[in-house]
Amino acid sequence: MTEYERLSLQLQATLVSGLSLMVVQSKLQSSDENAGYVQQVLNWQSQVARVLEGLKSVLG
């Protein structure tokens, strides 16, 4: 598997996890749940940033 293929799969997985976060967000009730959700979103944003950095390095 090339680096580009690996990054493509990683990007797909990251996008799917983002969609699941959106579904979870629509079902939150309490502020405690919201705090945990915000942390998950921040983690997801850093995942996206890592994938994009990897793609930039591969694509030049």
PDB file of N, CA and C in Angstrom:
ATOM      1  N   MET A   1       0.852  -1.187   0.000  1.00  0.00           N
ATOM      2  CA  MET A   1       0.000   0.000   0.000  1.00  0.00           C
ATOM      3  C   MET A   1       0.893   1.243   0.000  1.00  0.00           C
ATOM      4  N   THR A   2       0.591   2.142  -0.908  1.00  0.00           N
ATOM      5  CA  THR A   2       1.391   3.367  -0.972  1.00  0.00           C
ATOM      6  C   THR A   2       0.990   4.318   0.156  1.00  0.00           C
ATOM      7  N   GLU A   3       1.845   5.294   0.381  1.00  0.00           N
ATOM      8  CA  GLU A   3       1.565   6.305   1.408  1.00  0.00           C
ATOM      9  C   GLU A   3       0.266   7.043   1.074  1.00  0.00           C
ATOM     10  N   TYR A   4       0.065   7.323  -0.218  1.00  0.00           N
ATOM     11  CA  TYR A   4      -1.146   8.026  -0.648  1.00  0.00           C
ATOM     12  C   TYR A   4      -2.401   7.197  -0.339  1.00  0.00           C
ATOM     13  N   GLU A   5      -2.355   5.886  -0.619  1.00  0.00           N
ATOM     14  CA  GLU A   5      -3.501   5.018  -0.330  1.00  0.00           C
ATOM     15  C   GLU A   5      -3.774   4.957   1.172  1.00  0.00           C
ATOM     16  N   ARG A   6      -2.709   4.872   1.949  1.00  0.00           N
ATOM     17  CA  ARG A   6      -2.857   4.820   3.401  1.00  0.00           C
ATOM     18  C   ARG A   6      -3.522   6.099   3.914  1.00  0.00           C
ATOM     19  N   LEU A   7      -3.072   7.237   3.389  1.00  0.00           N
ATOM     20  CA  LEU A   7      -3.654   8.513   3.814  1.00  0.00           C
ATOM     21  C   LEU A   7      -5.105   8.642   3.363  1.00  0.00           C
ATOM     22  N   SER A   8      -5.422   8.117   2.191  1.00  0.00           N
ATOM     23  CA  SER A   8      -6.805   8.159   1.709  1.00  0.00           C
ATOM     24  C   SER A   8      -7.729   7.386   2.646  1.00  0.00           C
ATOM     25  N   LEU A   9      -7.275   6.201   3.068  1.00  0.00           N
ATOM     26  CA  LEU A   9      -8.072   5.410   4.012  1.00  0.00           C
ATOM     27  C   LEU A   9      -8.211   6.129   5.346  1.00  0.00           C
ATOM     28  N   GLN A  10      -7.130   6.755   5.785  1.00  0.00           N
ATOM     29  CA  GLN A  10      -7.164   7.488   7.051  1.00  0.00           C
ATOM     30  C   GLN A  10      -8.139   8.658   6.954  1.00  0.00           C
ATOM     31  N   LEU A  11      -8.145   9.331   5.809  1.00  0.00           N
ATOM     32  CA  LEU A  11      -9.060  10.452   5.612  1.00  0.00           C
ATOM     33  C   LEU A  11     -10.506   9.966   5.627  1.00  0.00           C
ATOM     34  N   GLN A  12     -10.778   8.855   4.960  1.00  0.00           N
ATOM     35  CA  GLN A  12     -12.135   8.304   4.963  1.00  0.00           C
ATOM     36  C   GLN A  12     -12.587   7.978   6.381  1.00  0.00           C
ATOM     37  N   ALA A  13     -11.718   7.336   7.150  1.00  0.00           N
ATOM     38  CA  ALA A  13     -12.063   6.978   8.530  1.00  0.00           C
ATOM     39  C   ALA A  13     -12.315   8.226   9.367  1.00  0.00           C
ATOM     40  N   THR A  14     -11.520   9.257   9.134  1.00  0.00           N
ATOM     41  CA  THR A  14     -11.674  10.508   9.875  1.00  0.00           C
ATOM     42  C   THR A  14     -13.005  11.169   9.543  1.00  0.00           C
ATOM     43  N   LEU A  15     -13.385  11.138   8.270  1.00  0.00           N
ATOM     44  CA  LEU A  15     -14.661  11.728   7.876  1.00  0.00           C
ATOM     45  C   LEU A  15     -15.835  10.962   8.478  1.00  0.00           C
ATOM     46  N   VAL A  16     -15.743   9.639   8.489  1.00  0.00           N
ATOM     47  CA  VAL A  16     -16.806   8.828   9.089  1.00  0.00           C
ATOM     48  C   VAL A  16     -16.929   9.129  10.581  1.00  0.00           C
ATOM     49  N   SER A  17     -15.790   9.259  11.269  1.00  0.00           N
ATOM     50  CA  SER A  17     -15.856   9.562  12.702  1.00  0.00           C
ATOM     51  C   SER A  17     -16.471  10.945  12.928  1.00  0.00           C
ATOM     52  N   GLY A  18     -16.222  11.870  12.013  1.00  0.00           N
ATOM     53  CA  GLY A  18     -16.836  13.193  12.117  1.00  0.00           C
ATOM     54  C   GLY A  18     -18.346  13.130  11.963  1.00  0.00           C
ATOM     55  N   LEU A  19     -18.805  12.304  11.030  1.00  0.00           N
ATOM     56  CA  LEU A  19     -20.250  12.143  10.851  1.00  0.00           C
ATOM     57  C   LEU A  19     -20.891  11.531  12.090  1.00  0.00           C
ATOM     58  N   SER A  20     -20.214  10.546  12.684  1.00  0.00           N
ATOM     59  CA  SER A  20     -20.781   9.930  13.889  1.00  0.00           C
ATOM     60  C   SER A  20     -20.815  10.932  15.040  1.00  0.00           C
ATOM     61  N   LEU A  21     -19.823  11.818  15.104  1.00  0.00           N
ATOM     62  CA  LEU A  21     -19.853  12.871  16.131  1.00  0.00           C
ATOM     63  C   LEU A  21     -21.069  13.770  15.950  1.00  0.00           C
ATOM     64  N   MET A  22     -21.422  14.067  14.697  1.00  0.00           N
ATOM     65  CA  MET A  22     -22.584  14.918  14.440  1.00  0.00           C
ATOM     66  C   MET A  22     -23.866  14.228  14.904  1.00  0.00           C
ATOM     67  N   VAL A  23     -23.955  12.917  14.670  1.00  0.00           N
ATOM     68  CA  VAL A  23     -25.131  12.166  15.110  1.00  0.00           C
ATOM     69  C   VAL A  23     -25.224  12.179  16.635  1.00  0.00           C
ATOM     70  N   VAL A  24     -24.086  11.938  17.294  1.00  0.00           N
ATOM     71  CA  VAL A  24     -24.052  11.941  18.762  1.00  0.00           C
ATOM     72  C   VAL A  24     -24.495  13.301  19.291  1.00  0.00           C
ATOM     73  N   GLN A  25     -24.005  14.364  18.677  1.00  0.00           N
ATOM     74  CA  GLN A  25     -24.310  15.715  19.148  1.00  0.00           C
ATOM     75  C   GLN A  25     -25.817  15.975  19.136  1.00  0.00           C
ATOM     76  N   SER A  26     -26.508  15.423  18.150  1.00  0.00           N
ATOM     77  CA  SER A  26     -27.948  15.669  18.053  1.00  0.00           C
ATOM     78  C   SER A  26     -28.725  14.987  19.180  1.00  0.00           C
ATOM     79  N   LYS A  27     -28.079  14.060  19.905  1.00  0.00           N
ATOM     80  CA  LYS A  27     -28.772  13.321  20.957  1.00  0.00           C
ATOM     81  C   LYS A  27     -28.339  13.716  22.378  1.00  0.00           C
ATOM     82  N   LEU A  28     -27.464  14.701  22.491  1.00  0.00           N
ATOM     83  CA  LEU A  28     -26.960  15.084  23.814  1.00  0.00           C
ATOM     84  C   LEU A  28     -28.031  15.797  24.633  1.00  0.00           C
ATOM     85  N   GLN A  29     -28.019  15.544  25.922  1.00  0.00           N
ATOM     86  CA  GLN A  29     -28.977  16.186  26.817  1.00  0.00           C
ATOM     87  C   GLN A  29     -28.294  17.096  27.838  1.00  0.00           C
ATOM     88  N   SER A  30     -27.417  16.526  28.660  1.00  0.00           N
ATOM     89  CA  SER A  30     -26.859  17.269  29.795  1.00  0.00           C
ATOM     90  C   SER A  30     -25.582  18.023  29.423  1.00  0.00           C
ATOM     91  N   SER A  31     -25.193  18.960  30.281  1.00  0.00           N
ATOM     92  CA  SER A  31     -23.971  19.725  30.032  1.00  0.00           C
ATOM     93  C   SER A  31     -22.727  18.858  30.208  1.00  0.00           C
ATOM     94  N   ASP A  32     -22.811  17.833  31.069  1.00  0.00           N
ATOM     95  CA  ASP A  32     -21.682  16.904  31.217  1.00  0.00           C
ATOM     96  C   ASP A  32     -21.410  16.194  29.900  1.00  0.00           C
ATOM     97  N   GLU A  33     -22.479  15.753  29.251  1.00  0.00           N
ATOM     98  CA  GLU A  33     -22.323  15.097  27.960  1.00  0.00           C
ATOM     99  C   GLU A  33     -21.731  16.066  26.945  1.00  0.00           C
ATOM    100  N   ASN A  34     -22.164  17.319  27.009  1.00  0.00           N
ATOM    101  CA  ASN A  34     -21.647  18.322  26.082  1.00  0.00           C
ATOM    102  C   ASN A  34     -20.150  18.532  26.253  1.00  0.00           C
ATOM    103  N   ALA A  35     -19.671  18.529  27.492  1.00  0.00           N
ATOM    104  CA  ALA A  35     -18.245  18.730  27.749  1.00  0.00           C
ATOM    105  C   ALA A  35     -17.429  17.605  27.114  1.00  0.00           C
ATOM    106  N   GLY A  36     -17.899  16.378  27.273  1.00  0.00           N
ATOM    107  CA  GLY A  36     -17.214  15.248  26.653  1.00  0.00           C
ATOM    108  C   GLY A  36     -17.244  15.342  25.142  1.00  0.00           C
ATOM    109  N   TYR A  37     -18.367  15.816  24.615  1.00  0.00           N
ATOM    110  CA  TYR A  37     -18.510  15.956  23.166  1.00  0.00           C
ATOM    111  C   TYR A  37     -17.520  16.970  22.609  1.00  0.00           C
ATOM    112  N   VAL A  38     -17.378  18.095  23.301  1.00  0.00           N
ATOM    113  CA  VAL A  38     -16.451  19.132  22.839  1.00  0.00           C
ATOM    114  C   VAL A  38     -15.032  18.572  22.767  1.00  0.00           C
ATOM    115  N   GLN A  39     -14.638  17.781  23.748  1.00  0.00           N
ATOM    116  CA  GLN A  39     -13.306  17.174  23.731  1.00  0.00           C
ATOM    117  C   GLN A  39     -13.154  16.232  22.539  1.00  0.00           C
ATOM    118  N   GLN A  40     -14.197  15.476  22.234  1.00  0.00           N
ATOM    119  CA  GLN A  40     -14.147  14.579  21.080  1.00  0.00           C
ATOM    120  C   GLN A  40     -13.997  15.364  19.781  1.00  0.00           C
ATOM    121  N   VAL A  41     -14.693  16.490  19.694  1.00  0.00           N
ATOM    122  CA  VAL A  41     -14.585  17.315  18.489  1.00  0.00           C
ATOM    123  C   VAL A  41     -13.169  17.865  18.344  1.00  0.00           C
ATOM    124  N   LEU A  42     -12.581  18.309  19.451  1.00  0.00           N
ATOM    125  CA  LEU A  42     -11.208  18.820  19.399  1.00  0.00           C
ATOM    126  C   LEU A  42     -10.242  17.718  18.967  1.00  0.00           C
ATOM    127  N   ASN A  43     -10.438  16.508  19.483  1.00  0.00           N
ATOM    128  CA  ASN A  43      -9.609  15.381  19.060  1.00  0.00           C
ATOM    129  C   ASN A  43      -9.775  15.124  17.567  1.00  0.00           C
ATOM    130  N   TRP A  44     -11.024  15.202  17.101  1.00  0.00           N
ATOM    131  CA  TRP A  44     -11.306  14.965  15.687  1.00  0.00           C
ATOM    132  C   TRP A  44     -10.630  16.026  14.820  1.00  0.00           C
ATOM    133  N   GLN A  45     -10.680  17.278  15.260  1.00  0.00           N
ATOM    134  CA  GLN A  45     -10.039  18.347  14.498  1.00  0.00           C
ATOM    135  C   GLN A  45      -8.540  18.113  14.380  1.00  0.00           C
ATOM    136  N   SER A  46      -7.918  17.620  15.432  1.00  0.00           N
ATOM    137  CA  SER A  46      -6.482  17.360  15.349  1.00  0.00           C
ATOM    138  C   SER A  46      -6.205  16.173  14.427  1.00  0.00           C
ATOM    139  N   GLN A  47      -7.118  15.193  14.390  1.00  0.00           N
ATOM    140  CA  GLN A  47      -6.975  14.080  13.444  1.00  0.00           C
ATOM    141  C   GLN A  47      -7.013  14.599  12.011  1.00  0.00           C
ATOM    142  N   VAL A  48      -7.961  15.470  11.735  1.00  0.00           N
ATOM    143  CA  VAL A  48      -8.085  16.037  10.389  1.00  0.00           C
ATOM    144  C   VAL A  48      -6.811  16.788  10.022  1.00  0.00           C
ATOM    145  N   ALA A  49      -6.297  17.573  10.951  1.00  0.00           N
ATOM    146  CA  ALA A  49      -5.075  18.340  10.688  1.00  0.00           C
ATOM    147  C   ALA A  49      -3.909  17.412  10.361  1.00  0.00           C
ATOM    148  N   ARG A  50      -3.797  16.296  11.107  1.00  0.00           N
ATOM    149  CA  ARG A  50      -2.708  15.341  10.842  1.00  0.00           C
ATOM    150  C   ARG A  50      -2.840  14.726   9.454  1.00  0.00           C
ATOM    151  N   VAL A  51      -4.065  14.346   9.077  1.00  0.00           N
ATOM    152  CA  VAL A  51      -4.283  13.744   7.758  1.00  0.00           C
ATOM    153  C   VAL A  51      -3.926  14.741   6.664  1.00  0.00           C
ATOM    154  N   LEU A  52      -4.346  15.979   6.819  1.00  0.00           N
ATOM    155  CA  LEU A  52      -4.062  16.989   5.795  1.00  0.00           C
ATOM    156  C   LEU A  52      -2.572  17.268   5.683  1.00  0.00           C
ATOM    157  N   GLU A  53      -1.880  17.300   6.812  1.00  0.00           N
ATOM    158  CA  GLU A  53      -0.421  17.475   6.781  1.00  0.00           C
ATOM    159  C   GLU A  53       0.234  16.325   6.021  1.00  0.00           C
ATOM    160  N   GLY A  54      -0.233  15.112   6.287  1.00  0.00           N
ATOM    161  CA  GLY A  54       0.307  13.947   5.586  1.00  0.00           C
ATOM    162  C   GLY A  54       0.068  14.025   4.095  1.00  0.00           C
ATOM    163  N   LEU A  55      -1.132  14.429   3.708  1.00  0.00           N
ATOM    164  CA  LEU A  55      -1.442  14.557   2.281  1.00  0.00           C
ATOM    165  C   LEU A  55      -0.579  15.627   1.625  1.00  0.00           C
ATOM    166  N   LYS A  56      -0.385  16.741   2.328  1.00  0.00           N
ATOM    167  CA  LYS A  56       0.454  17.805   1.773  1.00  0.00           C
ATOM    168  C   LYS A  56       1.866  17.306   1.531  1.00  0.00           C
ATOM    169  N   SER A  57       2.403  16.519   2.468  1.00  0.00           N
ATOM    170  CA  SER A  57       3.776  16.043   2.311  1.00  0.00           C
ATOM    171  C   SER A  57       3.877  15.036   1.165  1.00  0.00           C
ATOM    172  N   VAL A  58       2.829  14.236   0.965  1.00  0.00           N
ATOM    173  CA  VAL A  58       2.858  13.248  -0.120  1.00  0.00           C
ATOM    174  C   VAL A  58       2.664  13.916  -1.478  1.00  0.00           C
ATOM    175  N   LEU A  59       1.749  14.860  -1.529  1.00  0.00           N
ATOM    176  CA  LEU A  59       1.430  15.497  -2.810  1.00  0.00           C
ATOM    177  C   LEU A  59       2.400  16.616  -3.167  1.00  0.00           C
ATOM    178  N   GLY A  60       3.189  17.038  -2.201  1.00  0.00           N
ATOM    179  CA  GLY A  60       4.170  18.093  -2.468  1.00  0.00           C
ATOM    180  C   GLY A  60       3.537  19.424  -2.352  1.00  0.00           C
TER     181      GLY A  60
END
